C-alpha atoms as a PDB file:
ATOM      1  CA  MET A   1     -74.291  -2.939 104.938  1.00  0.00           C
ATOM      2  CA  GLU A   2     -77.187  -0.910 105.438  1.00  0.00           C
ATOM      3  CA  ASN A   3     -79.106  -0.739 109.165  1.00  0.00           C
ATOM      4  CA  GLU A   4     -82.030  -3.242 109.852  1.00  0.00           C
ATOM      5  CA  TYR A   5     -84.697  -1.391 111.045  1.00  0.00           C
ATOM      6  CA  ILE A   6     -86.924  -3.176 113.422  1.00  0.00           C
ATOM      7  CA  VAL A   7     -90.865  -2.517 113.962  1.00  0.00           C
ATOM      8  CA  LYS A   8     -91.309  -5.564 116.403  1.00  0.00           C
ATOM      9  CA  GLN A   9     -89.328  -8.125 117.636  1.00  0.00           C
ATOM     10  CA  PHE A  10     -91.010 -11.054 119.212  1.00  0.00           C
ATOM     11  CA  ALA A  11     -90.180 -13.419 122.228  1.00  0.00           C
ATOM     12  CA  ASP A  12     -89.375 -16.324 119.854  1.00  0.00           C
ATOM     13  CA  GLY A  13     -86.898 -14.455 118.033  1.00  0.00           C
ATOM     14  CA  SER A  14     -88.874 -13.517 114.906  1.00  0.00           C
ATOM     15  CA  LYS A  15     -89.221  -9.865 113.850  1.00  0.00           C
ATOM     16  CA  VAL A  16     -90.998  -7.724 111.608  1.00  0.00           C
ATOM     17  CA  THR A  17     -88.587  -5.152 109.883  1.00  0.00           C
ATOM     18  CA  VAL A  18     -89.425  -1.547 109.123  1.00  0.00           C
ATOM     19  CA  ARG A  19     -88.884  -2.663 105.142  1.00  0.00           C
ATOM     20  CA  GLU A  20     -91.070  -5.230 105.490  1.00  0.00           C
ATOM     21  CA  LEU A  21     -93.875  -2.870 106.393  1.00  0.00           C
ATOM     22  CA  GLN A  22     -92.647  -0.185 103.870  1.00  0.00           C
ATOM     23  CA  LEU A  23     -93.170  -2.900 100.909  1.00  0.00           C
ATOM     24  CA  GLU A  24     -96.639  -3.723 101.941  1.00  0.00           C
ATOM     25  CA  LEU A  25     -97.856  -0.075 102.066  1.00  0.00           C
ATOM     26  CA  LEU A  26     -96.091   0.485  99.045  1.00  0.00           C
ATOM     27  CA  GLU A  27     -98.520  -1.763  97.148  1.00  0.00           C
ATOM     28  CA  MET A  28    -101.225  -0.021  98.972  1.00  0.00           C
ATOM     29  CA  MET A  29    -100.160   2.867  97.517  1.00  0.00           C
ATOM     30  CA  LYS A  30     -99.716   1.845  93.943  1.00  0.00           C
ATOM     31  CA  ASP A  31    -103.193   0.961  94.340  1.00  0.00           C
ATOM     32  CA  ILE A  32    -104.922   4.110  95.547  1.00  0.00           C
ATOM     33  CA  ASP A  33    -102.834   6.275  93.331  1.00  0.00           C
ATOM     34  CA  ALA A  34    -104.227   3.675  90.373  1.00  0.00           C
ATOM     35  CA  ILE A  35    -107.809   4.931  91.678  1.00  0.00           C
ATOM     36  CA  CYS A  36    -106.763   8.680  91.974  1.00  0.00           C
ATOM     37  CA  LYS A  37    -105.739   8.610  88.297  1.00  0.00           C
ATOM     38  CA  LYS A  38    -108.413   6.848  87.096  1.00  0.00           C
ATOM     39  CA  HIS A  39    -110.785   9.586  88.168  1.00  0.00           C
ATOM     40  CA  ASN A  40    -108.889  12.510  87.892  1.00  0.00           C
ATOM     41  CA  ILE A  41    -107.841  13.038  91.410  1.00  0.00           C
ATOM     42  CA  THR A  42    -105.061  14.950  93.032  1.00  0.00           C
ATOM     43  CA  TYR A  43    -103.482  14.233  95.946  1.00  0.00           C
ATOM     44  CA  PHE A  44     -99.758  13.966  97.027  1.00  0.00           C
ATOM     45  CA  LEU A  45     -97.420  12.403  99.779  1.00  0.00           C
ATOM     46  CA  SER A  46     -97.377  14.790 102.940  1.00  0.00           C
ATOM     47  CA  SER A  47     -95.140  15.156 105.949  1.00  0.00           C
ATOM     48  CA  GLY A  48     -92.522  12.506 106.378  1.00  0.00           C
ATOM     49  CA  SER A  49     -93.667  10.332 102.950  1.00  0.00           C
ATOM     50  CA  CYS A  50     -92.492  13.713 100.943  1.00  0.00           C
ATOM     51  CA  LEU A  51     -89.153  13.739 103.077  1.00  0.00           C
ATOM     52  CA  GLY A  52     -88.687  10.536 102.291  1.00  0.00           C
ATOM     53  CA  ALA A  53     -89.406  11.132  98.263  1.00  0.00           C
ATOM     54  CA  VAL A  54     -87.102  14.180  98.298  1.00  0.00           C
ATOM     55  CA  ARG A  55     -84.378  12.650 100.490  1.00  0.00           C
ATOM     56  CA  HIS A  56     -84.481   9.407  99.835  1.00  0.00           C
ATOM     57  CA  LYS A  57     -86.126   8.763  96.511  1.00  0.00           C
ATOM     58  CA  GLY A  58     -88.577   6.224  98.718  1.00  0.00           C
ATOM     59  CA  PHE A  59     -89.028   5.950 102.027  1.00  0.00           C
ATOM     60  CA  ILE A  60     -87.419   7.078 104.958  1.00  0.00           C
ATOM     61  CA  PRO A  61     -85.120   4.139 106.067  1.00  0.00           C
ATOM     62  CA  TRP A  62     -86.711   3.652 109.553  1.00  0.00           C
ATOM     63  CA  ASP A  63     -90.262   5.502 109.087  1.00  0.00           C
ATOM     64  CA  ASP A  64     -93.226   2.888 109.872  1.00  0.00           C
ATOM     65  CA  ASP A  65     -95.926   4.908 107.962  1.00  0.00           C
ATOM     66  CA  MET A  66     -97.403   6.441 105.012  1.00  0.00           C
ATOM     67  CA  ASP A  67     -99.524   9.969 104.837  1.00  0.00           C
ATOM     68  CA  ILE A  68    -100.949  11.587 101.644  1.00  0.00           C
ATOM     69  CA  ALA A  69    -103.026  15.085 101.396  1.00  0.00           C
ATOM     70  CA  MET A  70    -105.490  16.545  99.210  1.00  0.00           C
ATOM     71  CA  SER A  71    -107.924  19.442  99.062  1.00  0.00           C
ATOM     72  CA  ARG A  72    -111.685  18.926 100.823  1.00  0.00           C
ATOM     73  CA  ASP A  73    -112.817  18.520  97.324  1.00  0.00           C
ATOM     74  CA  GLU A  74    -111.045  15.794  96.292  1.00  0.00           C
ATOM     75  CA  PHE A  75    -111.377  14.141  99.489  1.00  0.00           C
ATOM     76  CA  LYS A  76    -115.417  14.347  98.584  1.00  0.00           C
ATOM     77  CA  LYS A  77    -114.588  12.546  95.274  1.00  0.00           C
ATOM     78  CA  PHE A  78    -111.865  10.344  96.482  1.00  0.00           C
ATOM     79  CA  ILE A  79    -114.573   8.607  98.872  1.00  0.00           C
ATOM     80  CA  LYS A  80    -116.647   7.875  95.726  1.00  0.00           C
ATOM     81  CA  ALA A  81    -114.225   6.740  93.894  1.00  0.00           C
ATOM     82  CA  LEU A  82    -113.093   4.503  96.350  1.00  0.00           C
ATOM     83  CA  ASP A  83    -116.923   3.077  97.087  1.00  0.00           C
ATOM     84  CA  LYS A  84    -116.423   2.313  93.587  1.00  0.00           C
ATOM     85  CA  ASP A  85    -113.237   0.828  92.852  1.00  0.00           C
ATOM     86  CA  LEU A  86    -111.423  -0.344  96.208  1.00  0.00           C
ATOM     87  CA  PRO A  87    -110.959  -3.610  95.965  1.00  0.00           C
ATOM     88  CA  LYS A  88    -113.280  -4.859  99.089  1.00  0.00           C
ATOM     89  CA  ARG A  89    -111.855  -8.046  99.395  1.00  0.00           C
ATOM     90  CA  LYS A  90    -108.282  -6.543  99.971  1.00  0.00           C
ATOM     91  CA  TYR A  91    -109.067  -3.276 101.418  1.00  0.00           C
ATOM     92  CA  CYS A  92    -111.427  -1.251 103.555  1.00  0.00           C
ATOM     93  CA  TYR A  93    -111.540   2.307 104.629  1.00  0.00           C
ATOM     94  CA  HIS A  94    -112.265   4.359 107.471  1.00  0.00           C
ATOM     95  CA  CYS A  95    -113.681   7.906 108.030  1.00  0.00           C
ATOM     96  CA  TYR A  96    -116.398   9.932 110.062  1.00  0.00           C
ATOM     97  CA  GLU A  97    -118.376  10.252 106.615  1.00  0.00           C
ATOM     98  CA  LYS A  98    -119.053   6.639 106.777  1.00  0.00           C
ATOM     99  CA  SER A  99    -119.030   5.855 110.621  1.00  0.00           C
ATOM    100  CA  LYS A 100    -119.887   8.212 113.613  1.00  0.00           C
ATOM    101  CA  LYS A 101    -117.416   5.979 115.525  1.00  0.00           C
ATOM    102  CA  TYR A 102    -114.402   7.160 113.917  1.00  0.00           C
ATOM    103  CA  THR A 103    -112.256   9.400 115.630  1.00  0.00           C
ATOM    104  CA  VAL A 104    -112.134  12.719 114.284  1.00  0.00           C
ATOM    105  CA  THR A 105    -108.417  13.856 116.106  1.00  0.00           C
ATOM    106  CA  TRP A 106    -106.826  11.463 113.530  1.00  0.00           C
ATOM    107  CA  PRO A 107    -106.335  11.963 109.918  1.00  0.00           C
ATOM    108  CA  ALA A 108    -109.121  11.990 107.733  1.00  0.00           C
ATOM    109  CA  MET A 109    -109.269   8.927 106.847  1.00  0.00           C
ATOM    110  CA  LYS A 110    -107.356   5.436 107.080  1.00  0.00           C
ATOM    111  CA  ILE A 111    -106.930   3.087 104.114  1.00  0.00           C
ATOM    112  CA  ARG A 112    -106.660  -0.107 105.902  1.00  0.00           C
ATOM    113  CA  LYS A 113    -105.373  -3.424 104.539  1.00  0.00           C
ATOM    114  CA  LYS A 114    -107.484  -6.666 105.307  1.00  0.00           C
ATOM    115  CA  LYS A 115    -105.642  -9.667 106.799  1.00  0.00           C
ATOM    116  CA  THR A 116    -103.150  -7.737 108.677  1.00  0.00           C
ATOM    117  CA  TYR A 117    -102.762  -6.070 111.920  1.00  0.00           C
ATOM    118  CA  ILE A 118    -101.380  -3.308 113.274  1.00  0.00           C
ATOM    119  CA  ARG A 119    -101.435  -1.086 116.975  1.00  0.00           C
ATOM    120  CA  GLU A 120    -100.439   2.228 116.800  1.00  0.00           C
ATOM    121  CA  ILE A 121     -98.567   3.460 119.956  1.00  0.00           C
ATOM    122  CA  ASN A 122    -101.094   6.214 120.360  1.00  0.00           C
ATOM    123  CA  SER A 123    -103.979   3.540 120.284  1.00  0.00           C
ATOM    124  CA  ARG A 124    -103.225   3.142 124.383  1.00  0.00           C
ATOM    125  CA  LEU A 125    -105.632   6.424 124.284  1.00  0.00           C
ATOM    126  CA  LEU A 126    -107.580   6.305 121.086  1.00  0.00           C
ATOM    127  CA  PRO A 127    -108.066   2.959 120.256  1.00  0.00           C
ATOM    128  CA  ASN A 128    -109.567   2.033 116.620  1.00  0.00           C
ATOM    129  CA  ARG A 129    -113.234   1.689 117.282  1.00  0.00           C
ATOM    130  CA  LEU A 130    -114.244   0.408 113.960  1.00  0.00           C
ATOM    131  CA  LYS A 131    -114.175  -3.234 114.557  1.00  0.00           C
ATOM    132  CA  ASP A 132    -114.209  -4.941 111.050  1.00  0.00           C
ATOM    133  CA  CYS A 133    -110.353  -4.241 110.696  1.00  0.00           C
ATOM    134  CA  ASP A 134    -107.273  -3.461 112.399  1.00  0.00           C
ATOM    135  CA  GLY A 135    -105.299  -3.850 109.716  1.00  0.00           C
ATOM    136  CA  ILE A 136    -102.188  -1.357 108.536  1.00  0.00           C
ATOM    137  CA  PHE A 137    -102.716   1.587 106.979  1.00  0.00           C
ATOM    138  CA  ILE A 138    -102.168   4.811 104.960  1.00  0.00           C
ATOM    139  CA  ASP A 139    -103.358   8.047 106.597  1.00  0.00           C
ATOM    140  CA  ILE A 140    -105.290  10.831 104.303  1.00  0.00           C
ATOM    141  CA  PHE A 141    -104.914  14.273 105.276  1.00  0.00           C
ATOM    142  CA  ILE A 142    -107.465  17.075 104.359  1.00  0.00           C
ATOM    143  CA  TYR A 143    -105.658  20.458 103.197  1.00  0.00           C
ATOM    144  CA  ASP A 144    -107.803  23.406 102.962  1.00  0.00           C
ATOM    145  CA  HIS A 145    -107.295  27.454 102.445  1.00  0.00           C
ATOM    146  CA  MET A 146    -106.464  29.196 105.842  1.00  0.00           C
ATOM    147  CA  SER A 147    -105.605  32.869 106.787  1.00  0.00           C
ATOM    148  CA  ASN A 148    -101.964  34.200 107.244  1.00  0.00           C
ATOM    149  CA  LYS A 149    -103.642  36.615 109.581  1.00  0.00           C
ATOM    150  CA  LYS A 150    -103.204  35.377 112.994  1.00  0.00           C
ATOM    151  CA  TYR A 151    -106.518  37.564 114.348  1.00  0.00           C
ATOM    152  CA  ILE A 152    -108.506  35.635 112.097  1.00  0.00           C
ATOM    153  CA  ASP A 153    -106.892  32.249 112.511  1.00  0.00           C
ATOM    154  CA  LEU A 154    -106.164  31.626 116.119  1.00  0.00           C
ATOM    155  CA  PRO A 155    -109.497  32.124 117.351  1.00  0.00           C
ATOM    156  CA  PHE A 156    -110.619  29.173 114.944  1.00  0.00           C
ATOM    157  CA  ARG A 157    -107.589  26.948 115.716  1.00  0.00           C
ATOM    158  CA  LEU A 158    -108.164  27.309 119.288  1.00  0.00           C
ATOM    159  CA  PHE A 159    -111.634  26.517 119.090  1.00  0.00           C
ATOM    160  CA  ASN A 160    -110.442  23.050 117.927  1.00  0.00           C
ATOM    161  CA  THR A 161    -107.701  22.970 119.870  1.00  0.00           C
ATOM    162  CA  ILE A 162    -109.521  23.184 122.903  1.00  0.00           C
ATOM    163  CA  LEU A 163    -112.008  20.799 121.723  1.00  0.00           C
ATOM    164  CA  MET A 164    -109.906  18.520 120.967  1.00  0.00           C
ATOM    165  CA  PRO A 165    -109.112  16.901 124.767  1.00  0.00           C
ATOM    166  CA  ILE A 166    -112.621  16.930 125.460  1.00  0.00           C
ATOM    167  CA  ILE A 167    -113.502  14.680 122.684  1.00  0.00           C
ATOM    168  CA  ILE A 168    -110.682  12.475 123.655  1.00  0.00           C
ATOM    169  CA  PHE A 169    -111.606  12.248 127.178  1.00  0.00           C
ATOM    170  CA  PHE A 170    -115.325  11.348 126.356  1.00  0.00           C
ATOM    171  CA  GLU A 171    -113.761   8.766 123.901  1.00  0.00           C
ATOM    172  CA  THR A 172    -111.504   7.655 126.035  1.00  0.00           C
ATOM    173  CA  LEU A 173    -114.820   6.476 128.589  1.00  0.00           C
ATOM    174  CA  TYR A 174    -116.053   4.810 125.810  1.00  0.00           C
ATOM    175  CA  ILE A 175    -118.562   7.117 125.098  1.00  0.00           C
ATOM    176  CA  ASN A 176    -119.000   8.639 121.756  1.00  0.00           C
ATOM    177  CA  PRO A 177    -119.814  12.391 121.384  1.00  0.00           C
ATOM    178  CA  ILE A 178    -121.152  13.132 118.040  1.00  0.00           C
ATOM    179  CA  PRO A 179    -122.202  16.729 118.544  1.00  0.00           C
ATOM    180  CA  LEU A 180    -119.099  17.587 119.931  1.00  0.00           C
ATOM    181  CA  LYS A 181    -117.268  15.879 116.511  1.00  0.00           C
ATOM    182  CA  ALA A 182    -119.759  17.439 114.669  1.00  0.00           C
ATOM    183  CA  LEU A 183    -118.647  20.883 115.946  1.00  0.00           C
ATOM    184  CA  TYR A 184    -115.068  19.985 115.618  1.00  0.00           C
ATOM    185  CA  ARG A 185    -115.301  18.995 111.897  1.00  0.00           C
ATOM    186  CA  PHE A 186    -118.152  22.007 111.217  1.00  0.00           C
ATOM    187  CA  ASN A 187    -115.325  24.695 112.462  1.00  0.00           C
ATOM    188  CA  ALA A 188    -113.015  23.379 110.170  1.00  0.00           C
ATOM    189  CA  LYS A 189    -115.092  23.392 107.080  1.00  0.00           C
ATOM    190  CA  PHE A 190    -116.614  26.583 107.995  1.00  0.00           C
ATOM    191  CA  TYR A 191    -113.159  28.481 108.266  1.00  0.00           C
ATOM    192  CA  GLY A 192    -111.955  26.992 105.015  1.00  0.00           C
ATOM    193  CA  LYS A 193    -114.826  28.328 103.207  1.00  0.00           C
ATOM    194  CA  LEU A 194    -114.160  31.734 104.899  1.00  0.00           C
ATOM    195  CA  CYS A 195    -110.752  31.689 103.801  1.00  0.00           C
ATOM    196  CA  LYS A 196    -111.791  30.100 100.390  1.00  0.00           C
ATOM    197  CA  ASN A 197    -110.139  33.333  98.496  1.00  0.00           C
ATOM    198  CA  SER A 198    -107.066  32.989 100.362  1.00  0.00           C
ATOM    199  CA  GLU A 199    -103.612  32.300  98.737  1.00  0.00           C
ATOM    200  CA  TYR A 200    -102.724  30.191 101.881  1.00  0.00           C
ATOM    201  CA  PHE A 201    -103.148  26.611 102.115  1.00  0.00           C
ATOM    202  CA  ALA A 202    -102.793  23.752 104.620  1.00  0.00           C
ATOM    203  CA  ASP A 203    -103.502  21.143 106.982  1.00  0.00           C
ATOM    204  CA  ASP A 204    -107.448  21.833 108.050  1.00  0.00           C
ATOM    205  CA  LEU A 205    -108.053  22.469 111.557  1.00  0.00           C
ATOM    206  CA  THR A 206    -109.323  18.728 112.380  1.00  0.00           C
ATOM    207  CA  TRP A 207    -105.419  18.487 113.284  1.00  0.00           C
ATOM    208  CA  THR A 208    -104.580  19.646 116.554  1.00  0.00           C
ATOM    209  CA  PHE A 209    -101.252  18.150 117.379  1.00  0.00           C
ATOM    210  CA  LYS A 210     -99.683  21.731 116.504  1.00  0.00           C
ATOM    211  CA  ASN A 211     -99.048  24.690 118.269  1.00  0.00           C
ATOM    212  CA  PRO A 212    -101.814  26.644 117.352  1.00  0.00           C
ATOM    213  CA  ASN A 213    -100.180  29.731 117.631  1.00  0.00           C
ATOM    214  CA  LYS A 214     -97.790  28.650 115.190  1.00  0.00           C
ATOM    215  CA  PRO A 215     -99.673  26.778 112.132  1.00  0.00           C
ATOM    216  CA  PHE A 216     -98.133  25.069 109.476  1.00  0.00           C
ATOM    217  CA  THR A 217     -98.596  27.826 106.583  1.00  0.00           C
ATOM    218  CA  TYR A 218     -97.971  27.180 102.903  1.00  0.00           C
ATOM    219  CA  LYS A 219     -98.936  29.322  99.501  1.00  0.00           C
ATOM    220  CA  TYR A 220    -101.379  27.736  97.462  1.00  0.00           C
ATOM    221  CA  SER A 221     -98.600  27.889  94.805  1.00  0.00           C
ATOM    222  CA  ASP A 222     -96.267  25.408  96.918  1.00  0.00           C
ATOM    223  CA  ILE A 223     -98.925  22.730  97.289  1.00  0.00           C
ATOM    224  CA  TYR A 224    -100.131  22.796  93.491  1.00  0.00           C
ATOM    225  CA  PRO A 225     -99.479  22.118  90.690  1.00  0.00           C
ATOM    226  CA  VAL A 226     -98.008  18.958  92.057  1.00  0.00           C
ATOM    227  CA  GLN A 227     -95.784  16.863  90.550  1.00  0.00           C
ATOM    228  CA  TYR A 228     -94.443  13.140  90.056  1.00  0.00           C
ATOM    229  CA  VAL A 229     -91.299  12.122  91.585  1.00  0.00           C
ATOM    230  CA  LYS A 230     -89.473   8.962  91.608  1.00  0.00           C
ATOM    231  CA  PHE A 231     -90.199   6.637  94.921  1.00  0.00           C
ATOM    232  CA  GLU A 232     -88.825   3.350  95.543  1.00  0.00           C
ATOM    233  CA  ASP A 233     -90.031   1.509  92.192  1.00  0.00           C
ATOM    234  CA  THR A 234     -92.494   3.992  90.751  1.00  0.00           C
ATOM    235  CA  GLU A 235     -93.463   7.302  90.891  1.00  0.00           C
ATOM    236  CA  LEU A 236     -95.958   9.254  93.238  1.00  0.00           C
ATOM    237  CA  PRO A 237     -96.849  12.917  93.360  1.00  0.00           C
ATOM    238  CA  ILE A 238     -95.579  15.612  95.947  1.00  0.00           C
ATOM    239  CA  VAL A 239     -95.553  19.397  96.094  1.00  0.00           C
ATOM    240  CA  ASN A 240     -95.325  21.726  93.400  1.00  0.00           C
ATOM    241  CA  ASN A 241     -92.087  23.287  95.857  1.00  0.00           C
ATOM    242  CA  PRO A 242     -90.774  20.514  98.066  1.00  0.00           C
ATOM    243  CA  HIS A 243     -88.342  23.006  99.398  1.00  0.00           C
ATOM    244  CA  ASN A 244     -90.586  25.485 100.924  1.00  0.00           C
ATOM    245  CA  TYR A 245     -92.997  22.259 102.140  1.00  0.00           C
ATOM    246  CA  LEU A 246     -90.242  20.677 103.801  1.00  0.00           C
ATOM    247  CA  VAL A 247     -88.792  23.837 105.477  1.00  0.00           C
ATOM    248  CA  GLY A 248     -91.971  24.820 106.882  1.00  0.00           C
ATOM    249  CA  LYS A 249     -92.452  20.934 108.079  1.00  0.00           C
ATOM    250  CA  TYR A 250     -88.845  20.330 109.559  1.00  0.00           C
ATOM    251  CA  GLY A 251     -86.716  23.292 109.096  1.00  0.00           C
ATOM    252  CA  ASN A 252     -83.841  24.290 106.794  1.00  0.00           C
ATOM    253  CA  SER A 253     -81.835  20.901 108.027  1.00  0.00           C
ATOM    254  CA  TYR A 254     -84.341  18.711 106.043  1.00  0.00           C
ATOM    255  CA  MET A 255     -81.449  17.256 104.103  1.00  0.00           C
ATOM    256  CA  GLU A 256     -79.603  16.240 106.936  1.00  0.00           C
ATOM    257  CA  PHE A 257     -80.015  12.875 108.611  1.00  0.00           C
ATOM    258  CA  PRO A 258     -81.047  12.675 112.336  1.00  0.00           C
ATOM    259  CA  PRO A 259     -78.678  11.314 114.710  1.00  0.00           C
ATOM    260  CA  VAL A 260     -78.518   7.615 114.780  1.00  0.00           C
ATOM    261  CA  ASN A 261     -80.346   7.652 118.034  1.00  0.00           C
ATOM    262  CA  LYS A 262     -83.179   9.039 116.453  1.00  0.00           C
ATOM    263  CA  ARG A 263     -83.680   6.775 113.521  1.00  0.00           C
ATOM    264  CA  TYR A 264     -86.171   4.304 114.664  1.00  0.00           C
ATOM    265  CA  CYS A 265     -89.890   3.609 113.923  1.00  0.00           C
ATOM    266  CA  LYS A 266     -91.866   5.653 115.868  1.00  0.00           C
ATOM    267  CA  HIS A 267     -95.860   4.639 115.703  1.00  0.00           C
ATOM    268  CA  THR A 268     -95.792   0.596 115.550  1.00  0.00           C
ATOM    269  CA  TYR A 269     -96.770  -0.782 119.190  1.00  0.00           C
ATOM    270  CA  ASP A 270     -97.933  -4.346 117.628  1.00  0.00           C
ATOM    271  CA  ILE A 271     -97.772  -5.561 113.830  1.00  0.00           C
ATOM    272  CA  ASN A 272     -98.851  -8.585 112.207  1.00  0.00           C
ATOM    273  CA  LEU A 273     -98.604  -8.718 108.320  1.00  0.00           C
ATOM    274  CA  LYS A 274     -99.733 -12.476 107.746  1.00  0.00           C
ATOM    275  CA  SER A 275    -102.960 -12.395 109.732  1.00  0.00           C
ATOM    276  CA  ASP A 276    -105.532  -9.796 111.487  1.00  0.00           C
ATOM    277  CA  LYS A 277    -104.614 -10.971 115.100  1.00  0.00           C
ATOM    278  CA  PRO A 278    -102.626  -9.224 117.495  1.00  0.00           C
ATOM    279  CA  ASN A 279     -99.498 -10.988 118.850  1.00  0.00           C
ATOM    280  CA  LYS A 280    -100.763 -10.202 122.439  1.00  0.00           C
ATOM    281  CA  VAL A 281    -103.444  -8.545 124.942  1.00  0.00           C
ATOM    282  CA  VAL A 282    -102.447  -5.588 126.734  1.00  0.00           C
ATOM    283  CA  LYS A 283    -104.226  -5.190 130.040  1.00  0.00           C
ATOM    284  CA  SER A 284    -106.482  -2.182 130.080  1.00  0.00           C
ATOM    285  CA  LYS A 285    -105.068  -1.321 133.695  1.00  0.00           C
ATOM    286  CA  ILE A 286    -101.574  -0.899 132.056  1.00  0.00           C
ATOM    287  CA  GLY A 287    -103.216   1.338 129.112  1.00  0.00           C
ATOM    288  CA  PHE A 288    -104.924   3.346 131.816  1.00  0.00           C
ATOM    289  CA  PHE A 289    -101.262   4.036 133.818  1.00  0.00           C
ATOM    290  CA  TYR A 290     -99.785   4.864 130.485  1.00  0.00           C
ATOM    291  CA  THR A 291    -102.768   7.698 129.879  1.00  0.00           C
ATOM    292  CA  LEU A 292    -101.972   9.126 133.213  1.00  0.00           C
ATOM    293  CA  VAL A 293     -98.054   8.950 132.482  1.00  0.00           C
ATOM    294  CA  PHE A 294     -98.810  10.633 129.012  1.00  0.00           C
ATOM    295  CA  GLY A 295    -100.747  12.946 130.315  1.00  0.00           C
ATOM    296  CA  ILE A 296     -97.924  14.025 132.798  1.00  0.00           C
ATOM    297  CA  ILE A 297     -95.277  14.135 130.098  1.00  0.00           C
ATOM    298  CA  ALA A 298     -97.790  16.680 128.287  1.00  0.00           C
ATOM    299  CA  LEU A 299     -97.916  18.905 131.128  1.00  0.00           C
ATOM    300  CA  VAL A 300     -94.255  18.928 131.682  1.00  0.00           C
ATOM    301  CA  ILE A 301     -92.330  18.599 129.070  1.00  0.00           C
ATOM    302  CA  TRP A 302     -94.209  20.102 125.768  1.00  0.00           C
ATOM    303  CA  ASP A 303     -95.080  23.951 125.815  1.00  0.00           C
ATOM    304  CA  ASP A 304     -97.370  23.434 122.636  1.00  0.00           C
ATOM    305  CA  LEU A 305    -100.637  25.133 123.985  1.00  0.00           C
ATOM    306  CA  SER A 306    -102.816  21.678 122.584  1.00  0.00           C
ATOM    307  CA  PHE A 307    -100.596  19.623 124.721  1.00  0.00           C
ATOM    308  CA  ILE A 308    -101.241  21.393 127.784  1.00  0.00           C
ATOM    309  CA  PHE A 309    -104.966  21.279 127.494  1.00  0.00           C
ATOM    310  CA  LEU A 310    -104.523  17.146 126.312  1.00  0.00           C
ATOM    311  CA  GLY A 311    -102.161  16.695 129.370  1.00  0.00           C
ATOM    312  CA  ILE A 312    -104.692  18.548 131.892  1.00  0.00           C
ATOM    313  CA  SER A 313    -107.440  16.473 130.610  1.00  0.00           C
ATOM    314  CA  LEU A 314    -105.325  12.978 130.779  1.00  0.00           C
ATOM    315  CA  CYS A 315    -103.846  13.622 134.047  1.00  0.00           C
ATOM    316  CA  ILE A 316    -107.567  13.617 135.556  1.00  0.00           C
ATOM    317  CA  LEU A 317    -108.998  10.821 133.015  1.00  0.00           C
ATOM    318  CA  GLY A 318    -105.915   8.655 134.353  1.00  0.00           C
ATOM    319  CA  ILE A 319    -106.259   9.137 138.077  1.00  0.00           C
ATOM    320  CA  THR A 320    -109.944   8.775 137.974  1.00  0.00           C
ATOM    321  CA  LEU A 321    -109.853   5.537 135.660  1.00  0.00           C
ATOM    322  CA  MET A 322    -106.954   3.742 137.898  1.00  0.00           C
ATOM    323  CA  TYR A 323    -109.027   4.776 141.132  1.00  0.00           C
ATOM    324  CA  TYR A 324    -112.050   3.053 139.599  1.00  0.00           C
ATOM    325  CA  LEU A 325    -110.252  -0.213 138.353  1.00  0.00           C
ATOM    326  CA  ASN A 326    -108.267  -0.419 141.582  1.00  0.00           C
ATOM    327  CA  LYS A 327    -111.530  -0.034 143.591  1.00  0.00           C
END
């Protein structure tokens, strides 16, 4: 019998399984795919969702999220298509283009399902600032042209890597640093335009949770044209050369299953598929304590430069907030 992976176990013995969440996400994905087909918008399953399509012909059994990606030009078309055809009673979407409160260090957009609730593990640090909906979601990432020459790529990438923890610092203090957000996004867009004739194509510079010295790097021909493949009971698009893409993301052993102790959902802290209400409230002091702990872990364990900057900021932030909360 296949393992039953649990997203959330409640005190009364009830639970939400990964599969229940996945079926909700699959329903959302079918609606998104229909909109993209209607408006001739090209997108593809990215990261773990692409791995699931290739290795499992659907979701990774213990995966509790879904990611798609598209080019910057397609993303602009996508916003217009959502404004026109996204069922407003069923869904909403969040992105910086629609609200300056949106967290720019997140994926470019989150499409959320109304009358559901989810709280991510990282929301202790970066909660959703848009209060109209906290529903389960699908992440949309922007891919753009890039240079494979480090002396060109690294300065632009380092700029956003350094700016990222500063933005997070202000947002954790409930200060919306709009000028810094605009600069962060401008740097990513400018770099994409600068490299528009390059054959290399990958996550745009607003995604900084990766060693800037070792960025994801693919050829445009690895991504396009996309191809539709079996995914659960439907077909969804993945990149043109999934082998090169997945080796770049996960290494040569991507078809091998991870050890049993690493097969668990990694993103969800609290969830409710029947209501838009949380199951419990976490006291803010606990959240700030985790901020400090996360910062220390980032400094001690992770060797990525981006996490070192983030760790320093979080340590300072955690100590400061805990001091004032306990005065």
